[in-house]
Amino acid sequence: MGPAMWMSAAGLALLAVGLVAAKNEIGRARGIDKIAALTYLCFAIPLAVFGTEHLVIRQTLLGLVPSYMPMRMFWVYFVGIALIAAAVSTATRRLVQWSGLLFGAMMFLFVAMLHLPGAISAGGRIPWTIVVREMSFGSGGWVLAGIAMSGVGGGRGERLITVGRVVIGGAAIIFGVEHFLHPLGLPGVPLVKETPTWVPARAVIDYVTGASLVVAGVCFLAARKVKMAAACVGGWIVLLVVVIYGPVLVGALRDPRSGVQVEGVNYFADTLLFGAVILSLSCRK
């Protein structure tokens, strides 16, 4: 199998694990809680995909490791295994206080060591979008860790949730504004790829997504209607992943070029993880 197929297989495996772990909660949940119940599943799948990516295209990712780091290939493997472990932990909801905390710390380290210096050096919209995206990913991990700590960690868990809520709120507003500035891009995380022409009312979908993200971001920053806003907007993004990114992924996997296939898987996983990050704020009881 090629790299994209291994990444897809890892995502499907975590889908199976997560469905088994969450089936009772999803069955018991009512209203917006049924949407919130999808959070851990949607969070775990991309982590498994990204972790497998580190193992199957390690030579490509080696170039991202700073030259001053010793044993550079070791860190590629380490990150891959750590992401897969975090995926299993999140899907099964075991030790999430540790996996979420460490995943979040790792993402902020990536921002400080890789993405922020790159954005400062290169400039432009996309590098800065990636900085914001990675910070939101790390914040989602901290929110889940804080929720897991709420029964034992008290104030520490609340502080993690607060930091995560503020960062996610800022990211939602920034991404929402970008949807209005680039209304033909794929909705969710506003990167380069455009929405396929077969999607009806492409610009309308982007405007609706942008407005929803801005409103949700304001709610998150103001700590008002957080659960409702997170469930609605996070659920909307997950729906977009299924109905738009799903066919885009299928089209990419049918392309014979490995790079196109991996890009398709990454777009799907990135946006699913961003949807899960938003949904994480709907998980508090």
Protein backbone atom coordinates (compact mmCIF):
# COMPACT_ATOMS: atom_id res chain seq x y z
CA MET A 1 0.00 0.00 0.00
CA GLY A 2 1.06 3.59 -0.60
CA PRO A 3 1.45 6.20 2.19
CA ALA A 4 -2.06 7.62 1.74
CA MET A 5 -3.61 4.16 2.03
CA TRP A 6 -1.72 3.47 5.26
CA MET A 7 -2.88 6.84 6.62
CA SER A 8 -6.47 6.10 5.61
CA ALA A 9 -6.30 2.62 7.14
CA ALA A 10 -5.11 4.11 10.43
CA GLY A 11 -8.01 6.56 10.39
CA LEU A 12 -10.52 3.78 9.71
CA ALA A 13 -9.04 1.67 12.53
CA LEU A 14 -9.49 4.53 15.00
CA LEU A 15 -12.99 5.10 13.65
CA ALA A 16 -13.83 1.51 14.61
CA VAL A 17 -12.19 1.82 18.03
CA GLY A 18 -13.86 5.15 18.72
CA LEU A 19 -17.32 3.95 17.68
CA VAL A 20 -17.09 0.97 20.01
CA ALA A 21 -15.91 3.20 22.88
CA ALA A 22 -18.55 5.90 22.30
CA LYS A 23 -21.58 3.86 21.22
CA ASN A 24 -23.24 3.90 24.64
CA GLU A 25 -22.74 7.62 25.16
CA ILE A 26 -23.95 8.45 21.66
CA GLY A 27 -27.00 6.26 22.21
CA ARG A 28 -27.87 7.90 25.55
CA ALA A 29 -27.19 11.50 24.49
CA ARG A 30 -30.00 13.84 23.52
CA GLY A 31 -30.03 17.13 21.63
CA ILE A 32 -26.71 18.91 21.27
CA ASP A 33 -25.11 16.36 23.60
CA LYS A 34 -25.37 13.84 20.77
CA ILE A 35 -23.20 16.13 18.64
CA ALA A 36 -20.77 16.67 21.53
CA ALA A 37 -20.47 12.88 21.89
CA LEU A 38 -18.68 12.78 18.54
CA THR A 39 -15.81 14.97 19.80
CA TYR A 40 -13.37 12.31 20.97
CA LEU A 41 -13.94 10.19 17.87
CA CYS A 42 -13.39 13.15 15.53
CA PHE A 43 -10.29 14.17 17.51
CA ALA A 44 -8.71 10.72 17.54
CA ILE A 45 -9.02 9.87 13.84
CA PRO A 46 -6.79 12.72 12.57
CA LEU A 47 -4.15 12.02 15.22
CA ALA A 48 -3.90 8.43 13.99
CA VAL A 49 -3.65 9.67 10.39
CA PHE A 50 -0.90 12.17 11.20
CA GLY A 51 0.97 9.69 13.36
CA THR A 52 0.98 7.11 10.58
CA GLU A 53 2.10 9.81 8.14
CA HIS A 54 5.23 10.34 10.27
CA LEU A 55 6.05 6.65 9.95
CA VAL A 56 5.35 6.12 6.25
CA ILE A 57 6.80 9.32 4.73
CA ARG A 58 9.49 9.83 7.34
CA GLN A 59 12.13 10.96 4.85
CA THR A 60 9.91 13.80 3.65
CA LEU A 61 9.08 14.93 7.19
CA LEU A 62 12.72 14.71 8.22
CA GLY A 63 13.28 17.96 6.35
CA LEU A 64 10.95 19.74 8.79
CA VAL A 65 13.04 18.83 11.84
CA PRO A 66 15.33 21.77 12.74
CA SER A 67 18.95 21.17 11.80
CA TYR A 68 20.12 21.89 15.35
CA MET A 69 18.14 18.93 16.74
CA PRO A 70 20.22 15.81 17.46
CA MET A 71 19.04 12.43 16.15
CA ARG A 72 16.61 14.07 13.75
CA MET A 73 15.08 10.85 12.43
CA PHE A 74 14.42 9.71 16.00
CA TRP A 75 12.12 12.72 16.50
CA VAL A 76 10.12 11.89 13.37
CA TYR A 77 9.46 8.39 14.70
CA PHE A 78 8.86 9.70 18.23
CA VAL A 79 6.23 12.19 17.10
CA GLY A 80 4.52 9.55 14.95
CA ILE A 81 4.29 7.03 17.78
CA ALA A 82 3.23 9.74 20.25
CA LEU A 83 0.39 10.84 17.96
CA ILE A 84 -0.86 7.27 17.53
CA ALA A 85 -0.73 6.74 21.31
CA ALA A 86 -2.66 9.99 21.83
CA ALA A 87 -5.22 8.85 19.24
CA VAL A 88 -5.85 5.58 21.07
CA SER A 89 -6.00 7.38 24.42
CA THR A 90 -8.51 9.91 23.10
CA ALA A 91 -10.69 7.36 21.31
CA THR A 92 -10.92 5.16 24.41
CA ARG A 93 -10.97 8.13 26.82
CA ARG A 94 -8.19 6.63 28.88
CA LEU A 95 -5.64 9.00 30.45
CA VAL A 96 -6.88 11.92 28.35
CA GLN A 97 -5.64 14.30 31.04
CA TRP A 98 -2.13 13.28 30.01
CA SER A 99 -2.52 12.65 26.28
CA GLY A 100 -4.42 15.91 25.76
CA LEU A 101 -1.98 17.89 27.88
CA LEU A 102 1.10 16.48 26.14
CA PHE A 103 -0.42 16.73 22.66
CA GLY A 104 -1.23 20.38 23.30
CA ALA A 105 2.26 21.08 24.59
CA MET A 106 3.75 19.38 21.52
CA MET A 107 1.65 21.48 19.15
CA PHE A 108 2.70 24.72 20.85
CA LEU A 109 6.33 23.59 20.66
CA PHE A 110 5.87 22.98 16.93
CA VAL A 111 4.51 26.52 16.60
CA ALA A 112 7.43 28.01 18.52
CA MET A 113 10.15 25.93 16.79
CA LEU A 114 8.79 25.53 13.24
CA HIS A 115 5.69 27.39 12.17
CA LEU A 116 6.11 30.79 13.81
CA PRO A 117 9.72 31.28 12.61
CA GLY A 118 8.62 30.11 9.16
CA ALA A 119 5.69 32.54 9.09
CA ILE A 120 7.88 35.44 10.22
CA SER A 121 10.47 34.58 7.59
CA ALA A 122 8.17 33.84 4.64
CA GLY A 123 5.17 36.02 5.43
CA GLY A 124 1.92 35.57 3.55
CA ARG A 125 -1.51 34.29 4.49
CA ILE A 126 -0.93 30.54 4.43
CA PRO A 127 2.04 30.33 6.86
CA TRP A 128 0.16 32.46 9.39
CA THR A 129 -3.01 30.40 8.89
CA ILE A 130 -0.98 27.30 9.74
CA VAL A 131 0.32 28.99 12.91
CA VAL A 132 -3.25 29.72 14.02
CA ARG A 133 -4.41 26.23 13.01
CA GLU A 134 -1.69 24.46 15.00
CA MET A 135 -2.36 26.63 18.06
CA SER A 136 -6.05 25.74 17.87
CA PHE A 137 -5.17 22.04 17.63
CA GLY A 138 -3.03 22.26 20.75
CA SER A 139 -5.75 24.21 22.55
CA GLY A 140 -8.31 21.52 21.75
CA GLY A 141 -6.02 18.97 23.39
CA TRP A 142 -5.79 21.17 26.48
CA VAL A 143 -9.56 21.57 26.65
CA LEU A 144 -10.04 17.79 26.61
CA ALA A 145 -7.27 17.39 29.21
CA GLY A 146 -8.91 20.05 31.38
CA ILE A 147 -12.27 18.31 31.17
CA ALA A 148 -10.63 15.01 32.15
CA MET A 149 -8.94 16.75 35.09
CA SER A 150 -12.13 18.40 36.31
CA GLY A 151 -12.86 15.58 38.73
CA VAL A 152 -9.33 15.38 40.15
CA GLY A 153 -7.37 18.45 39.09
CA GLY A 154 -9.77 21.21 40.07
CA GLY A 155 -8.28 24.58 39.25
CA ARG A 156 -5.64 23.20 36.89
CA GLY A 157 -8.29 21.74 34.63
CA GLU A 158 -10.26 24.99 34.60
CA ARG A 159 -7.16 26.98 33.67
CA LEU A 160 -6.44 24.66 30.76
CA ILE A 161 -10.01 24.97 29.54
CA THR A 162 -9.89 28.75 29.81
CA VAL A 163 -6.64 29.03 27.85
CA GLY A 164 -7.98 26.65 25.23
CA ARG A 165 -11.29 28.50 24.94
CA VAL A 166 -9.57 31.86 24.40
CA VAL A 167 -7.14 30.54 21.76
CA ILE A 168 -9.88 28.62 19.94
CA GLY A 169 -12.09 31.71 20.04
CA GLY A 170 -9.37 33.83 18.46
CA ALA A 171 -8.70 31.18 15.81
CA ALA A 172 -12.41 30.94 14.97
CA ILE A 173 -12.67 34.70 14.43
CA ILE A 174 -9.51 34.82 12.28
CA PHE A 175 -10.63 31.88 10.15
CA GLY A 176 -14.13 33.32 9.91
CA VAL A 177 -12.82 36.61 8.52
CA GLU A 178 -10.62 34.70 6.06
CA HIS A 179 -13.72 32.96 4.69
CA PHE A 180 -15.12 36.35 3.69
CA LEU A 181 -11.84 37.39 2.09
CA HIS A 182 -11.44 34.10 0.18
CA PRO A 183 -15.00 32.83 -0.38
CA LEU A 184 -14.14 30.05 -2.83
CA GLY A 185 -11.68 28.20 -0.60
CA LEU A 186 -12.56 24.90 1.01
CA PRO A 187 -14.55 25.77 4.15
CA GLY A 188 -13.23 25.13 7.65
CA VAL A 189 -9.49 25.79 7.68
CA PRO A 190 -8.92 28.44 4.97
CA LEU A 191 -5.89 27.15 3.06
CA VAL A 192 -5.03 27.14 -0.66
CA LYS A 193 -7.32 24.48 -2.12
CA GLU A 194 -10.62 25.71 -3.54
CA THR A 195 -14.04 24.13 -3.16
CA PRO A 196 -14.79 21.91 -6.19
CA THR A 197 -17.05 23.39 -8.83
CA TRP A 198 -19.57 20.55 -8.39
CA VAL A 199 -20.48 21.97 -4.95
CA PRO A 200 -23.56 24.22 -5.34
CA ALA A 201 -23.43 27.77 -3.92
CA ARG A 202 -19.73 27.53 -3.07
CA ALA A 203 -19.42 31.13 -1.97
CA VAL A 204 -22.60 30.94 0.12
CA ILE A 205 -21.23 27.95 2.03
CA ASP A 206 -18.04 29.86 2.76
CA TYR A 207 -19.94 32.95 3.89
CA VAL A 208 -22.18 30.90 6.17
CA THR A 209 -19.17 29.08 7.59
CA GLY A 210 -17.28 32.35 8.07
CA ALA A 211 -20.17 34.07 9.82
CA SER A 212 -20.72 31.03 12.05
CA LEU A 213 -17.06 30.95 13.04
CA VAL A 214 -17.01 34.66 13.87
CA VAL A 215 -20.15 34.39 16.01
CA ALA A 216 -18.84 31.28 17.76
CA GLY A 217 -15.45 32.94 18.34
CA VAL A 218 -17.13 35.91 20.02
CA CYS A 219 -19.15 33.52 22.21
CA PHE A 220 -16.00 31.65 23.20
CA LEU A 221 -14.07 34.80 24.08
CA ALA A 222 -16.99 36.23 26.03
CA ALA A 223 -17.70 32.86 27.71
CA ARG A 224 -21.36 33.10 26.71
CA LYS A 225 -23.43 30.29 25.13
CA VAL A 226 -20.18 28.36 24.65
CA LYS A 227 -21.68 24.87 24.64
CA MET A 228 -24.42 25.72 22.15
CA ALA A 229 -22.11 27.65 19.82
CA ALA A 230 -19.45 24.92 19.91
CA ALA A 231 -21.95 22.12 19.20
CA CYS A 232 -23.61 23.97 16.31
CA VAL A 233 -20.47 25.25 14.58
CA GLY A 234 -18.38 22.15 15.31
CA GLY A 235 -21.20 19.96 14.03
CA TRP A 236 -21.45 22.11 10.88
CA ILE A 237 -17.74 21.70 10.16
CA VAL A 238 -17.90 17.94 10.68
CA LEU A 239 -20.87 17.83 8.29
CA LEU A 240 -18.82 19.74 5.70
CA VAL A 241 -16.02 17.22 6.14
CA VAL A 242 -18.41 14.39 5.32
CA VAL A 243 -20.25 15.95 2.37
CA ILE A 244 -17.44 17.99 0.75
CA TYR A 245 -14.08 16.75 1.99
CA GLY A 246 -15.18 13.11 1.74
CA PRO A 247 -15.66 13.22 -2.05
CA VAL A 248 -12.52 15.37 -2.37
CA LEU A 249 -10.61 12.66 -0.51
CA VAL A 250 -12.04 9.91 -2.73
CA GLY A 251 -11.01 11.88 -5.82
CA ALA A 252 -7.51 12.37 -4.46
CA LEU A 253 -7.10 8.67 -3.65
CA ARG A 254 -8.07 7.80 -7.22
CA ASP A 255 -5.21 9.95 -8.53
CA PRO A 256 -2.08 7.88 -9.26
CA ARG A 257 0.23 10.52 -7.80
CA SER A 258 1.23 9.79 -4.21
CA GLY A 259 1.62 13.47 -3.33
CA VAL A 260 -1.93 14.26 -4.42
CA GLN A 261 -3.26 11.33 -2.39
CA VAL A 262 -1.43 12.39 0.78
CA GLU A 263 -2.60 15.99 0.32
CA GLY A 264 -6.21 14.79 0.05
CA VAL A 265 -5.93 12.76 3.25
CA ASN A 266 -4.30 15.68 5.07
CA TYR A 267 -6.99 18.16 4.04
CA PHE A 268 -9.67 15.76 5.29
CA ALA A 269 -7.88 15.08 8.59
CA ASP A 270 -6.95 18.73 9.22
CA THR A 271 -10.51 19.94 8.85
CA LEU A 272 -11.96 17.05 10.87
CA LEU A 273 -9.53 17.88 13.68
CA PHE A 274 -10.50 21.56 13.55
CA GLY A 275 -14.15 20.55 13.81
CA ALA A 276 -13.27 18.39 16.83
CA VAL A 277 -11.37 21.31 18.39
CA ILE A 278 -14.52 23.45 18.17
CA LEU A 279 -16.63 20.56 19.49
CA SER A 280 -14.32 20.11 22.47
CA LEU A 281 -15.85 23.23 24.03
CA SER A 282 -19.27 21.55 23.96
CA CYS A 283 -18.14 18.62 26.12
CA ARG A 284 -18.34 20.27 29.51
CA LYS A 285 -21.26 19.04 31.56
